[in-house]
Structure formats: C-alpha cells, structure tokens
Amino acid sequence: MIRNLISVFNNSIFSSEIKNENELYFEIDTDKVREICSYIHKSKDLPLVSMFASDERDLNGKYAIFYVFAERQQANLLILKTTIDPNRMEIPSISETIPAAASYEREIKDLFGIHPIGHPEPKRLVFHSNWPEGKHPLRKDYKLNERPKIAKEIIDFKRIEGKGVYEIPVGPVHAGIIEPGHFRFSVAGEPIINLEAQLYFVHKGIEKLSEGKSIENCLYISERISGDETFANSLCYCQAIEKIAKVKVPLRAQYTRIVFAELERLISHLGDLGGICLDTAYLFAAFHFRTLRGWAYLVADELCGMRFLRSINKLGGIRKDFVSGKEKSIIKQLRKIRDELDDTAKIIRSNSMFIDRVENTGVLTTRTARDLNAVGPGGRASGINHDVRKDFPYLVYDLLEFKVPYYQYGDVNCRMNVKLEECFESIDLIIKAIELMPAGKISETIPTLEPYSSAFGITESARGENIHFVMVGENNSVFRYKIRTPSFCNWPALCQAVRGNIVPDFPLINKSFNLSYAGNDL
C-alpha cells in the first residue's frame, strides 16, 4: 500500500510511517486531499471510517486533519494527515465523492472553524442557532469554562415543495424516557419524501473535557459517553492507551473482557428486539424479550453489581477477577436464556402478521449503506459483511469460533434477524470464554508514555464499529481524544431508510436501528 500510493502520488506525499503494527500514516499535500482520498476510496475500495481535526499549533504551529480509511481484508488502518495553516482555515471537501465525509466535515467546521470548500450543504451540525459565530471550542485557546453569549441565527431545513407536500416536525422532546432529537418530515399524504434530523441537543463537550486530563481520569469519561455502550467505549479507549504503552494485557483479562463485551451486546439486542415487537403492538413477544433482558441484567449484577458495566476495565486489564467462583452459576443462567430465546424466536418467525409488518419496511440499500459506511447490524442487514471482531481481531476473538450473521435486503426484518442471531452467538461466546479462561494475572502496569504518541482503539459495540483515537501529552495526560461511535455513521443511514415509507412506520424503523443520542451528541 505504501509503495503503491507513493508511486501514484509521489510529489504529494511528504512522509509515510507505520505505527502500532497496523496503522499506516501518510502526510500529504492539502491541495491533493480530494484526489488522493478519491483514489483510495474508489480505486482501492476502502471506506472512510473516521475523519477529524486536531489543534497542533503548540507542536508545529498548524492544525491537522486526519482521514482514516479501513483496509479490512488486511486489518490495517490507512491514515492520511494534512496540516492547515491558521491563516488559511479551509480544506477541500471530499463529500461529493465520499458521501460519508459530509457529517465529519460539518463537525470539523463547527468545532475548529476549518471550512470545507465545495461541501454541498455546509450548515451547522453540532451547534444550533443559539451558538455564536466564530466560537470553536476544540481549539486549544478556547477555555473549558468559557460560556459564550447566546446568539440567534436561523438554521434552515431542506424544503421539499410541490402540490400536496407538507412538513411534520417531531421533537426534540418526545413522549417517552429518551433523549431529545428533532426530526423534520417532508411528506406527500403519508409517504415520506425526505427526513432531516437535527441532533446534538445533549452535546456534552466530552472531547474538550478530556483535554489535559490524566489517562486514568479519561477512562472514567469514556465510560460515560453513552450508558448502554459503557463497556465497548471504555474498552476502545483502553486499547488505544495499551497500544501506545506497548503493554500486552494478560490472557485472563482478555477472556474476561470478552465476557463483558458480549454480555453488553446481548443486553442491548434483547432490548432492541423487545422494542421492535412493541412498536408493532406484538405485546406478548415484546414483554418476553424484556423478561429475557431482565435475566441478562441478573447475570451482570452477579458478575459486577452494575447493569451499565462501569468500573470493570482498567488501563492494562481489569479491576478485579469478576468471573472467579461464579462460572457454573453464570453458564447455567445463560443456557436458560438461550433456551427461552430459541422458543421466542420460533414463535415470532411463525407469526405471519408480524413478519408482514417488518418485511420490506425501512429498506436501506447496499449501495446507500456502503456510501454512508453503515456499520453494525444496520450495515450487516444490508449486505455489508463486516465485523471488527473478525476484520480487526482484538482480545482473543481470533481463538474463539463464532459466526457473523448478515442479510441482503436491508429491511426491519433483516436488522431484527441479525440481532436475534447475534444474541445466540454472544451467549455461546460468553460460555466459551468462561470455559477456556486460564488462570493468571488480570492486569499490567502502564508506564510513562512518550509525549505526543498516538493510537487508535477499535471495537465492535452492539451498534457496530467503534473507533477512538488518543494522542497523549506530557505526564501521561490526554492531548486529543477523538471518539467516533457507530451512531455517528448510522444516523444519516436511518434518514435514508425511512424514505418512501409511511409516517407511522418511522418508530419501527427507528427502533430497528436503535441509535444512541448520547453516543452521537458528544
């Protein structure tokens, strides 16, 4: 890959380097960004999986933009880095050729003030109409405790015009215990022509909060990105720090981490399956899935006393030996859940009225899923056979046999079946991990880290591919922490999946993705 890119773009590549075994870095000419990214995406068929900026003026007087592509067949990350002069706060937009870049570029514009030239719709993403122009909080000179004056700006939604076309605004406050998000439907009768989502009502400034914190303190922040992805996020952060430290986590800790990662997946999917059934008024199945989820929570309670699975990971391993002495009890409970889940799956799959409701509803085509880099069950239901546990093996997943279910049609039924089959695989993986778990240490010490070294953590959360970038600063502090959860990729995919469906189908389609507001609104 290095030789190929240098031969094609020799004069535009200033340096290349391999870090952390599978991270390929290229520093490139800003004026050639669009050309090089397009070549990598189209000619090499590599998806853009993350894109972010970093204020490195204290290091080299410039801002940096990182474009992260995944070479999944070889388990490599290909990272293009270009620097931006503070006197020229702009980059060429790549979103015309790589649609997945559109939201990243809008995010960078809001948080850093770097303008994507040629972006088809560069309106605000993170900030709403009350945020003042010219304030960019991820610049290093923006103080954490600064409270800007309230501004007033009108941010327009896309208008669809025509005879019989009207708008239905929904939210941001919803009739339920969920976080806020505003959805603007353009409809003709009942069919949806367009859906535009405005999120970030719960933007918490997590990446800013992380700056200057110790690497240990930042672990607690990572656990609070999104409640039902606590373990996946903390594991991703730990991975990045452990790579920088060149620390190998003990085997017993690796097996234990698999137990908790799969338990979190099982709990999440059971909740989603219950929600899908509830939104079709199939109450028997809905409450049966809720019962099974309750049983899974009992397993979590016995293991660690925490249903959100916090304070389990630590840098270099796990905090205590959570599984020791509980093996027989946990396996017995999991087998009970598996038997009941098997019966429930047979019941719902034989209910023709239910299947008729979920088939051909909320179709996300394979082409759209690829364009937007849809991940997790949302992508696998649309024919994208990608799972980080297989493509970028971590922990000891490569020592455990398991299947990754995927379908082609991209409707609610396919997303439901992916999650249902993943529940069985997660139960089996937990049992295998417990049975094969060796004795031994559960953690290693993290040494003093080399300042301004960096690494990516990448995990498969319940919602899909989860990527965290960490650059450390002086004295084991965090210089830059970039979080890209799967929901960031899948919210645009959801907006595409509802087109052509009727308005009453939206809650069902939304639940089949079950995206996180908190995990998106960092």
Protein backbone atom coordinates (compact mmCIF):
# COMPACT_ATOMS: atom_id res chain seq x y z
CA MET A 1 0.00 0.00 0.00
CA ILE A 2 2.82 2.40 0.87
CA ARG A 3 4.69 1.65 -2.33
CA ASN A 4 1.55 1.97 -4.43
CA LEU A 5 0.48 5.34 -3.03
CA ILE A 6 3.98 6.78 -3.29
CA SER A 7 4.31 5.65 -6.90
CA VAL A 8 0.97 7.26 -7.85
CA PHE A 9 1.23 10.45 -5.73
CA ASN A 10 4.98 10.75 -5.26
CA ASN A 11 5.16 14.55 -5.21
CA SER A 12 2.12 14.92 -2.93
CA ILE A 13 3.20 12.57 -0.15
CA PHE A 14 5.72 14.14 2.23
CA SER A 15 6.27 11.16 4.55
CA SER A 16 4.99 7.69 5.43
CA GLU A 17 5.20 5.70 8.64
CA ILE A 18 3.84 2.53 10.22
CA LYS A 19 2.71 2.78 13.85
CA ASN A 20 1.28 0.22 16.24
CA GLU A 21 1.75 -2.59 13.70
CA ASN A 22 -1.34 -1.87 11.59
CA GLU A 23 -1.64 1.93 11.35
CA LEU A 24 -0.23 3.35 8.09
CA TYR A 25 0.30 7.12 8.21
CA PHE A 26 0.87 9.38 5.21
CA GLU A 27 1.41 13.11 5.45
CA ILE A 28 0.01 14.64 2.27
CA ASP A 29 -0.33 17.92 0.41
CA THR A 30 -3.58 19.69 1.35
CA ASP A 31 -4.26 20.67 -2.26
CA LYS A 32 -4.22 16.97 -3.25
CA VAL A 33 -6.54 15.74 -0.49
CA ARG A 34 -9.56 15.29 -2.74
CA GLU A 35 -7.59 13.44 -5.41
CA ILE A 36 -5.79 11.08 -3.00
CA CYS A 37 -8.90 10.32 -0.92
CA SER A 38 -10.92 9.62 -4.04
CA TYR A 39 -8.23 7.23 -5.31
CA ILE A 40 -8.11 5.33 -2.01
CA HIS A 41 -11.90 5.15 -1.75
CA LYS A 42 -12.69 4.23 -5.36
CA SER A 43 -9.63 2.52 -6.79
CA LYS A 44 -8.72 0.68 -3.61
CA ASP A 45 -12.34 0.29 -2.41
CA LEU A 46 -11.53 1.39 1.14
CA PRO A 47 -14.29 3.01 3.25
CA LEU A 48 -13.75 6.26 5.14
CA VAL A 49 -14.32 5.21 8.76
CA SER A 50 -13.34 8.41 10.58
CA MET A 51 -12.24 11.97 9.92
CA PHE A 52 -11.26 14.58 12.48
CA ALA A 53 -9.12 17.61 13.23
CA SER A 54 -6.57 18.36 15.93
CA ASP A 55 -5.16 21.66 17.12
CA GLU A 56 -1.41 21.08 16.95
CA ARG A 57 -0.35 24.72 16.91
CA ASP A 58 1.63 24.21 20.13
CA LEU A 59 3.60 21.43 18.40
CA ASN A 60 4.14 22.72 14.86
CA GLY A 61 2.12 25.91 14.52
CA LYS A 62 -0.66 24.26 12.49
CA TYR A 63 -3.93 22.38 12.65
CA ALA A 64 -4.05 18.77 11.45
CA ILE A 65 -6.79 16.90 9.60
CA PHE A 66 -6.84 13.10 9.72
CA TYR A 67 -8.65 10.93 7.13
CA VAL A 68 -8.97 7.33 8.32
CA PHE A 69 -9.66 4.53 5.84
CA ALA A 70 -10.07 0.85 6.74
CA GLU A 71 -8.30 -1.87 4.78
CA ARG A 72 -10.47 -4.56 6.32
CA GLN A 73 -9.12 -7.57 4.44
CA GLN A 74 -5.63 -6.89 5.79
CA ALA A 75 -6.74 -5.49 9.19
CA ASN A 76 -4.98 -2.16 8.53
CA LEU A 77 -5.97 1.44 9.12
CA LEU A 78 -4.72 3.85 6.47
CA ILE A 79 -4.46 7.40 7.87
CA LEU A 80 -3.88 10.46 5.73
CA LYS A 81 -2.73 13.53 7.63
CA THR A 82 -2.60 17.03 6.24
CA THR A 83 -1.75 20.26 8.04
CA ILE A 84 -3.66 23.54 7.86
CA ASP A 85 -2.06 26.95 8.24
CA PRO A 86 -4.01 29.07 10.80
CA ASN A 87 -4.09 31.85 8.19
CA ARG A 88 -5.84 29.55 5.71
CA MET A 89 -8.64 27.86 7.63
CA GLU A 90 -10.05 25.74 4.84
CA ILE A 91 -9.80 22.28 3.30
CA PRO A 92 -11.13 20.90 0.02
CA SER A 93 -14.33 18.96 0.68
CA ILE A 94 -14.33 15.28 -0.29
CA SER A 95 -18.03 14.69 0.41
CA GLU A 96 -19.06 14.85 -3.25
CA THR A 97 -17.05 11.69 -3.99
CA ILE A 98 -17.20 10.17 -0.47
CA PRO A 99 -20.69 10.85 0.98
CA ALA A 100 -19.67 9.51 4.41
CA ALA A 101 -17.37 12.55 4.79
CA ALA A 102 -20.22 15.09 4.78
CA SER A 103 -21.01 14.94 8.51
CA TYR A 104 -17.34 14.79 9.52
CA GLU A 105 -16.58 17.98 7.56
CA ARG A 106 -19.53 19.81 9.12
CA GLU A 107 -18.38 18.69 12.57
CA ILE A 108 -14.83 19.98 11.93
CA LYS A 109 -16.24 23.30 10.70
CA ASP A 110 -18.24 23.75 13.92
CA LEU A 111 -15.60 22.64 16.40
CA PHE A 112 -12.46 24.07 14.76
CA GLY A 113 -13.62 26.68 12.25
CA ILE A 114 -11.95 24.93 9.31
CA HIS A 115 -14.22 25.38 6.28
CA PRO A 116 -14.80 22.53 3.78
CA ILE A 117 -14.63 24.24 0.40
CA GLY A 118 -17.05 22.67 -2.06
CA HIS A 119 -19.25 20.98 0.54
CA PRO A 120 -22.80 20.70 -0.91
CA GLU A 121 -24.50 21.62 2.37
CA PRO A 122 -22.06 23.04 4.97
CA LYS A 123 -24.69 24.07 7.52
CA ARG A 124 -24.10 23.62 11.23
CA LEU A 125 -24.07 20.11 12.64
CA VAL A 126 -23.09 20.29 16.31
CA PHE A 127 -24.26 23.79 17.20
CA HIS A 128 -27.76 25.16 16.97
CA SER A 129 -29.00 28.68 16.28
CA ASN A 130 -28.07 29.93 19.78
CA TRP A 131 -24.31 29.32 19.38
CA PRO A 132 -22.36 32.45 18.39
CA GLU A 133 -20.42 32.59 15.14
CA GLY A 134 -16.63 32.41 15.47
CA LYS A 135 -16.51 30.35 18.69
CA HIS A 136 -14.81 26.98 18.14
CA PRO A 137 -14.38 25.02 21.38
CA LEU A 138 -11.87 22.39 20.28
CA ARG A 139 -9.23 24.99 19.58
CA LYS A 140 -6.65 24.85 22.36
CA ASP A 141 -7.05 28.54 23.20
CA TYR A 142 -10.77 28.09 23.92
CA LYS A 143 -11.09 27.80 27.71
CA LEU A 144 -13.13 24.94 29.12
CA ASN A 145 -15.07 27.22 31.47
CA GLU A 146 -15.84 29.85 28.83
CA ARG A 147 -19.58 30.48 28.44
CA PRO A 148 -20.32 32.31 25.18
CA LYS A 149 -23.15 34.79 24.87
CA ILE A 150 -26.38 33.42 23.46
CA ALA A 151 -26.78 34.21 19.78
CA LYS A 152 -29.71 33.99 17.40
CA GLU A 153 -29.36 32.54 13.92
CA ILE A 154 -31.92 30.84 11.73
CA ILE A 155 -30.81 27.42 10.50
CA ASP A 156 -32.99 26.28 7.62
CA PHE A 157 -34.14 22.75 6.99
CA LYS A 158 -34.25 21.40 3.47
CA ARG A 159 -37.57 22.38 1.92
CA ILE A 160 -39.41 19.99 -0.40
CA GLU A 161 -42.01 21.84 -2.44
CA GLY A 162 -44.87 20.62 -4.59
CA LYS A 163 -48.58 20.08 -4.66
CA GLY A 164 -49.79 18.29 -1.52
CA VAL A 165 -46.37 18.34 0.17
CA TYR A 166 -46.26 19.40 3.80
CA GLU A 167 -43.93 19.14 6.81
CA ILE A 168 -44.34 17.27 10.10
CA PRO A 169 -41.96 18.41 12.85
CA VAL A 170 -41.34 15.81 15.59
CA GLY A 171 -39.42 16.55 18.77
CA PRO A 172 -36.96 17.48 20.12
CA VAL A 173 -38.92 16.47 23.24
CA HIS A 174 -40.51 13.04 22.83
CA ALA A 175 -43.30 11.17 24.59
CA GLY A 176 -41.00 8.74 26.36
CA ILE A 177 -37.90 8.48 28.50
CA ILE A 178 -35.49 9.09 25.63
CA GLU A 179 -33.08 11.88 24.84
CA PRO A 180 -34.00 14.79 22.57
CA GLY A 181 -33.71 14.92 18.80
CA HIS A 182 -35.66 16.88 16.22
CA PHE A 183 -36.97 15.18 13.07
CA ARG A 184 -38.42 17.15 10.16
CA PHE A 185 -40.51 15.01 7.80
CA SER A 186 -41.48 16.18 4.31
CA VAL A 187 -44.46 14.11 3.24
CA ALA A 188 -46.99 13.84 0.45
CA GLY A 189 -50.03 12.25 2.05
CA GLU A 190 -48.47 9.57 4.24
CA PRO A 191 -45.35 8.56 2.26
CA ILE A 192 -42.14 10.23 3.47
CA ILE A 193 -40.26 12.14 0.76
CA ASN A 194 -37.42 13.35 2.99
CA LEU A 195 -36.34 13.22 6.61
CA GLU A 196 -33.83 15.60 8.14
CA ALA A 197 -32.61 15.03 11.70
CA GLN A 198 -31.24 17.73 13.96
CA LEU A 199 -29.36 16.22 16.88
CA TYR A 200 -26.80 17.47 19.44
CA PHE A 201 -29.39 18.73 21.93
CA VAL A 202 -27.37 16.85 24.57
CA HIS A 203 -23.89 17.84 23.33
CA LYS A 204 -21.68 17.42 26.40
CA GLY A 205 -18.28 18.59 25.19
CA ILE A 206 -16.66 15.26 26.08
CA GLU A 207 -13.68 15.69 23.78
CA LYS A 208 -12.97 19.11 25.30
CA LEU A 209 -13.42 17.76 28.83
CA SER A 210 -10.73 15.16 28.09
CA GLU A 211 -8.01 17.65 27.19
CA GLY A 212 -5.29 17.79 29.82
CA LYS A 213 -6.85 15.10 31.98
CA SER A 214 -4.77 12.15 33.13
CA ILE A 215 -5.12 8.96 31.11
CA GLU A 216 -6.73 7.33 34.19
CA ASN A 217 -9.25 10.15 34.58
CA CYS A 218 -10.13 9.94 30.91
CA LEU A 219 -11.09 6.29 31.32
CA TYR A 220 -13.99 7.39 33.55
CA ILE A 221 -15.04 9.92 30.90
CA SER A 222 -15.01 7.21 28.21
CA GLU A 223 -17.39 5.11 30.34
CA ARG A 224 -19.91 7.95 30.34
CA ILE A 225 -20.15 8.63 26.62
CA SER A 226 -23.29 6.50 26.28
CA GLY A 227 -24.88 4.44 29.04
CA ASP A 228 -25.62 1.28 27.07
CA GLU A 229 -22.20 1.28 25.33
CA THR A 230 -20.19 1.78 28.51
CA PHE A 231 -18.00 -1.29 28.21
CA ALA A 232 -17.39 -1.03 24.46
CA ASN A 233 -16.30 2.60 24.79
CA SER A 234 -14.02 2.05 27.79
CA LEU A 235 -12.50 -0.99 26.07
CA CYS A 236 -11.84 1.07 22.93
CA TYR A 237 -10.10 3.75 24.99
CA CYS A 238 -8.07 1.16 26.90
CA GLN A 239 -6.98 -0.42 23.61
CA ALA A 240 -5.57 2.88 22.36
CA ILE A 241 -3.62 3.57 25.56
CA GLU A 242 -2.35 -0.01 25.78
CA LYS A 243 -1.09 0.24 22.18
CA ILE A 244 0.78 3.45 22.96
CA ALA A 245 2.24 1.84 26.10
CA LYS A 246 3.08 -1.36 24.17
CA VAL A 247 1.52 -3.34 27.03
CA LYS A 248 0.12 -6.83 26.43
CA VAL A 249 -2.97 -7.43 28.54
CA PRO A 250 -2.90 -10.77 30.45
CA LEU A 251 -4.91 -13.61 28.88
CA ARG A 252 -7.30 -13.95 31.80
CA ALA A 253 -8.19 -10.27 31.50
CA GLN A 254 -8.71 -10.65 27.74
CA TYR A 255 -11.15 -13.52 28.19
CA THR A 256 -12.95 -11.59 30.95
CA ARG A 257 -13.28 -8.57 28.68
CA ILE A 258 -14.95 -10.79 26.07
CA VAL A 259 -17.46 -11.97 28.69
CA PHE A 260 -18.50 -8.39 29.43
CA ALA A 261 -18.37 -7.18 25.81
CA GLU A 262 -20.72 -9.97 24.72
CA LEU A 263 -22.97 -9.52 27.74
CA GLU A 264 -23.38 -5.83 26.83
CA ARG A 265 -24.22 -6.85 23.24
CA LEU A 266 -26.77 -9.41 24.46
CA ILE A 267 -28.49 -6.92 26.77
CA SER A 268 -28.63 -4.27 24.03
CA HIS A 269 -30.02 -6.59 21.35
CA LEU A 270 -32.69 -8.05 23.65
CA GLY A 271 -33.87 -4.52 24.37
CA ASP A 272 -33.99 -3.71 20.64
CA LEU A 273 -35.92 -6.87 19.82
CA GLY A 274 -38.45 -6.07 22.51
CA GLY A 275 -38.78 -2.53 21.15
CA ILE A 276 -39.42 -3.74 17.60
CA CYS A 277 -42.18 -6.03 18.83
CA LEU A 278 -43.67 -3.26 20.99
CA ASP A 279 -43.81 -0.88 18.01
CA THR A 280 -45.80 -3.46 16.06
CA ALA A 281 -48.18 -3.95 19.05
CA TYR A 282 -46.93 -7.54 19.45
CA LEU A 283 -47.04 -7.33 23.24
CA PHE A 284 -46.53 -10.99 24.06
CA ALA A 285 -43.17 -11.07 22.28
CA ALA A 286 -42.20 -7.59 23.50
CA PHE A 287 -42.59 -8.49 27.16
CA HIS A 288 -40.96 -11.86 26.69
CA PHE A 289 -37.85 -10.15 25.29
CA ARG A 290 -37.98 -7.75 28.22
CA THR A 291 -38.05 -10.69 30.60
CA LEU A 292 -35.01 -12.20 28.91
CA ARG A 293 -33.24 -8.86 29.15
CA GLY A 294 -34.04 -8.78 32.84
CA TRP A 295 -32.43 -12.19 33.22
CA ALA A 296 -29.33 -10.90 31.40
CA TYR A 297 -29.21 -7.98 33.82
CA LEU A 298 -29.19 -10.52 36.67
CA VAL A 299 -26.07 -12.03 35.14
CA ALA A 300 -24.45 -8.58 35.05
CA ASP A 301 -25.50 -7.99 38.65
CA GLU A 302 -23.91 -11.24 39.79
CA LEU A 303 -20.70 -10.55 37.91
CA CYS A 304 -20.09 -6.93 38.86
CA GLY A 305 -23.17 -5.43 40.56
CA MET A 306 -23.50 -2.83 37.78
CA ARG A 307 -26.00 -3.05 34.93
CA PHE A 308 -24.14 -0.36 32.95
CA LEU A 309 -20.89 -2.37 33.29
CA ARG A 310 -18.82 0.53 34.60
CA SER A 311 -15.57 0.26 36.59
CA ILE A 312 -14.68 -3.12 35.09
CA ASN A 313 -11.92 -2.11 32.70
CA LYS A 314 -8.71 -0.51 33.86
CA LEU A 315 -5.72 0.50 31.80
CA GLY A 316 -3.72 -2.67 31.33
CA GLY A 317 -6.52 -5.12 32.18
CA ILE A 318 -9.48 -5.38 34.55
CA ARG A 319 -10.01 -4.09 38.09
CA LYS A 320 -10.68 -7.45 39.77
CA ASP A 321 -11.29 -11.09 38.92
CA PHE A 322 -15.03 -10.76 38.31
CA VAL A 323 -15.64 -14.28 37.00
CA SER A 324 -13.78 -16.38 39.58
CA GLY A 325 -16.11 -18.64 41.57
CA LYS A 326 -19.20 -17.69 39.51
CA GLU A 327 -18.56 -19.83 36.44
CA LYS A 328 -21.21 -22.53 36.99
CA SER A 329 -23.91 -20.08 38.00
CA ILE A 330 -23.33 -17.78 35.02
CA ILE A 331 -23.28 -20.62 32.48
CA LYS A 332 -26.49 -22.08 33.94
CA GLN A 333 -28.29 -18.72 33.66
CA LEU A 334 -27.06 -18.17 30.11
CA ARG A 335 -28.27 -21.58 28.96
CA LYS A 336 -31.67 -20.80 30.44
CA ILE A 337 -31.78 -17.52 28.47
CA ARG A 338 -30.72 -19.35 25.32
CA ASP A 339 -33.49 -21.96 25.60
CA GLU A 340 -36.18 -19.33 26.16
CA LEU A 341 -34.78 -17.15 23.37
CA ASP A 342 -34.91 -20.10 20.98
CA ASP A 343 -38.60 -20.63 21.75
CA THR A 344 -39.38 -16.92 21.36
CA ALA A 345 -37.56 -16.74 18.01
CA LYS A 346 -39.60 -19.64 16.65
CA ILE A 347 -42.85 -18.00 17.79
CA ILE A 348 -42.22 -14.59 16.21
CA ARG A 349 -40.87 -16.04 12.97
CA SER A 350 -44.03 -18.12 12.54
CA ASN A 351 -46.34 -15.15 13.11
CA SER A 352 -47.27 -14.12 9.56
CA MET A 353 -48.94 -10.85 10.63
CA PHE A 354 -45.81 -9.75 12.46
CA ILE A 355 -43.50 -10.76 9.61
CA ASP A 356 -45.71 -8.92 7.12
CA ARG A 357 -45.27 -5.77 9.24
CA VAL A 358 -41.45 -5.89 9.30
CA GLU A 359 -40.67 -7.21 5.82
CA ASN A 360 -39.95 -4.56 3.15
CA THR A 361 -40.19 -1.83 5.78
CA GLY A 362 -37.37 0.70 6.14
CA VAL A 363 -35.12 -0.69 3.41
CA LEU A 364 -31.51 0.55 3.46
CA THR A 365 -29.99 -0.47 0.14
CA THR A 366 -26.50 -1.94 -0.06
CA ARG A 367 -25.33 1.00 -2.20
CA THR A 368 -26.51 3.57 0.34
CA ALA A 369 -25.12 1.56 3.25
CA ARG A 370 -21.70 1.50 1.55
CA ASP A 371 -21.78 5.19 0.66
CA LEU A 372 -22.51 6.18 4.26
CA ASN A 373 -20.34 3.46 5.86
CA ALA A 374 -23.31 1.99 7.75
CA VAL A 375 -21.92 -0.26 10.48
CA GLY A 376 -23.03 -2.99 12.87
CA PRO A 377 -26.40 -4.72 12.42
CA GLY A 378 -27.58 -1.77 10.31
CA GLY A 379 -24.84 -2.44 7.76
CA ARG A 380 -24.83 -6.25 8.02
CA ALA A 381 -28.57 -6.36 7.32
CA SER A 382 -27.83 -4.54 4.04
CA GLY A 383 -25.20 -6.96 2.78
CA ILE A 384 -22.06 -5.44 4.33
CA ASN A 385 -20.38 -8.45 5.90
CA HIS A 386 -18.09 -6.56 8.25
CA ASP A 387 -17.46 -7.09 11.96
CA VAL A 388 -14.45 -5.66 13.81
CA ARG A 389 -14.11 -8.86 15.86
CA LYS A 390 -13.29 -10.71 12.61
CA ASP A 391 -11.69 -7.97 10.49
CA PHE A 392 -9.55 -6.33 13.19
CA PRO A 393 -9.30 -9.19 15.74
CA TYR A 394 -8.70 -7.97 19.29
CA LEU A 395 -8.58 -9.64 22.71
CA VAL A 396 -8.77 -13.39 21.94
CA TYR A 397 -11.67 -13.31 19.46
CA ASP A 398 -9.42 -14.97 16.87
CA LEU A 399 -9.17 -18.01 19.19
CA LEU A 400 -12.95 -18.39 19.52
CA GLU A 401 -15.19 -19.70 16.75
CA PHE A 402 -18.34 -17.70 16.03
CA LYS A 403 -20.48 -16.64 13.08
CA VAL A 404 -21.29 -13.13 11.92
CA PRO A 405 -24.88 -13.13 10.59
CA TYR A 406 -25.70 -10.84 7.68
CA TYR A 407 -28.54 -10.39 5.20
CA GLN A 408 -29.06 -8.67 1.85
CA TYR A 409 -32.43 -6.92 1.87
CA GLY A 410 -31.81 -4.18 4.43
CA ASP A 411 -35.31 -4.02 5.93
CA VAL A 412 -36.53 -4.10 9.55
CA ASN A 413 -36.87 -7.89 9.33
CA CYS A 414 -33.21 -8.30 8.32
CA ARG A 415 -31.99 -5.98 11.08
CA MET A 416 -34.13 -7.91 13.56
CA ASN A 417 -32.76 -11.27 12.39
CA VAL A 418 -29.15 -10.06 12.58
CA LYS A 419 -29.66 -9.00 16.19
CA LEU A 420 -31.56 -12.17 17.06
CA GLU A 421 -28.82 -14.43 15.70
CA GLU A 422 -26.12 -12.31 17.33
CA CYS A 423 -27.80 -12.94 20.69
CA PHE A 424 -27.23 -16.68 20.29
CA GLU A 425 -23.63 -16.10 19.20
CA SER A 426 -22.98 -13.80 22.19
CA ILE A 427 -24.32 -16.37 24.65
CA ASP A 428 -22.12 -19.06 23.13
CA LEU A 429 -19.09 -16.76 23.15
CA ILE A 430 -19.53 -15.94 26.84
CA ILE A 431 -19.79 -19.63 27.72
CA LYS A 432 -16.71 -20.47 25.62
CA ALA A 433 -14.73 -17.62 27.17
CA ILE A 434 -15.59 -18.77 30.69
CA GLU A 435 -14.74 -22.41 29.92
CA LEU A 436 -11.41 -21.56 28.25
CA MET A 437 -10.37 -18.79 30.64
CA PRO A 438 -6.87 -19.53 32.00
CA ALA A 439 -5.64 -18.70 35.47
CA GLY A 440 -3.16 -15.88 35.93
CA LYS A 441 -2.76 -12.13 36.26
CA ILE A 442 -5.60 -9.74 35.44
CA SER A 443 -3.66 -6.52 34.72
CA GLU A 444 -0.34 -4.96 33.78
CA THR A 445 1.09 -1.62 34.85
CA ILE A 446 1.02 1.27 32.38
CA PRO A 447 4.41 3.02 32.22
CA THR A 448 5.11 6.68 31.49
CA LEU A 449 4.04 7.26 27.89
CA GLU A 450 6.04 9.04 25.24
CA PRO A 451 4.51 12.53 24.84
CA TYR A 452 2.52 13.13 21.64
CA SER A 453 2.42 9.48 20.66
CA SER A 454 -0.95 8.21 19.47
CA ALA A 455 -3.00 5.14 18.61
CA PHE A 456 -6.46 4.00 17.56
CA GLY A 457 -8.71 1.70 19.54
CA ILE A 458 -11.33 -0.18 17.54
CA THR A 459 -14.08 -2.44 18.90
CA GLU A 460 -17.39 -3.92 17.76
CA SER A 461 -20.05 -2.49 20.07
CA ALA A 462 -23.65 -3.69 19.95
CA ARG A 463 -24.37 -0.94 17.39
CA GLY A 464 -21.26 -1.63 15.33
CA GLU A 465 -17.76 -0.41 14.55
CA ASN A 466 -16.47 1.91 17.27
CA ILE A 467 -13.24 3.91 16.75
CA HIS A 468 -11.39 6.04 19.31
CA PHE A 469 -8.20 8.00 18.63
CA VAL A 470 -5.99 9.07 21.54
CA MET A 471 -2.93 11.30 21.43
CA VAL A 472 -1.21 11.67 24.79
CA GLY A 473 0.54 14.78 26.01
CA GLU A 474 3.05 15.48 28.76
CA ASN A 475 3.00 13.50 32.04
CA ASN A 476 0.53 10.84 30.88
CA SER A 477 -2.14 13.39 30.08
CA VAL A 478 -4.54 13.37 27.11
CA PHE A 479 -3.77 15.85 24.31
CA ARG A 480 -6.53 14.82 21.87
CA TYR A 481 -9.32 12.29 22.29
CA LYS A 482 -11.48 11.73 19.21
CA ILE A 483 -14.50 9.47 19.62
CA ARG A 484 -16.47 8.06 16.70
CA THR A 485 -19.25 5.78 17.84
CA PRO A 486 -21.35 3.72 15.39
CA SER A 487 -24.36 6.00 15.79
CA PHE A 488 -22.49 8.85 14.05
CA CYS A 489 -22.36 6.72 10.88
CA ASN A 490 -25.85 5.27 11.16
CA TRP A 491 -27.98 8.37 11.83
CA PRO A 492 -27.62 9.51 8.16
CA ALA A 493 -28.39 5.92 7.11
CA LEU A 494 -31.63 5.95 9.13
CA CYS A 495 -32.73 9.16 7.37
CA GLN A 496 -32.29 7.37 4.05
CA ALA A 497 -34.02 4.17 5.17
CA VAL A 498 -37.32 5.90 6.01
CA ARG A 499 -37.79 7.44 2.56
CA GLY A 500 -40.80 6.04 0.74
CA ASN A 501 -42.29 4.58 3.92
CA ILE A 502 -45.34 5.95 5.67
CA VAL A 503 -45.05 8.17 8.74
CA PRO A 504 -46.43 5.53 11.21
CA ASP A 505 -43.53 3.25 10.19
CA PHE A 506 -40.89 5.66 11.47
CA PRO A 507 -40.90 4.47 15.13
CA LEU A 508 -40.49 0.88 13.96
CA ILE A 509 -37.65 1.71 11.55
CA ASN A 510 -36.01 3.90 14.17
CA LYS A 511 -36.16 1.11 16.75
CA SER A 512 -34.67 -1.42 14.33
CA PHE A 513 -31.53 0.77 14.20
CA ASN A 514 -31.85 1.90 17.85
CA LEU A 515 -29.19 4.59 17.59
CA SER A 516 -27.78 6.48 20.53
CA TYR A 517 -28.37 10.21 21.01
CA ALA A 518 -25.71 10.44 23.75
CA GLY A 519 -23.25 8.39 21.71
CA ASN A 520 -23.67 10.82 18.82
CA ASP A 521 -24.01 14.12 20.68
CA LEU A 522 -20.55 14.08 22.26
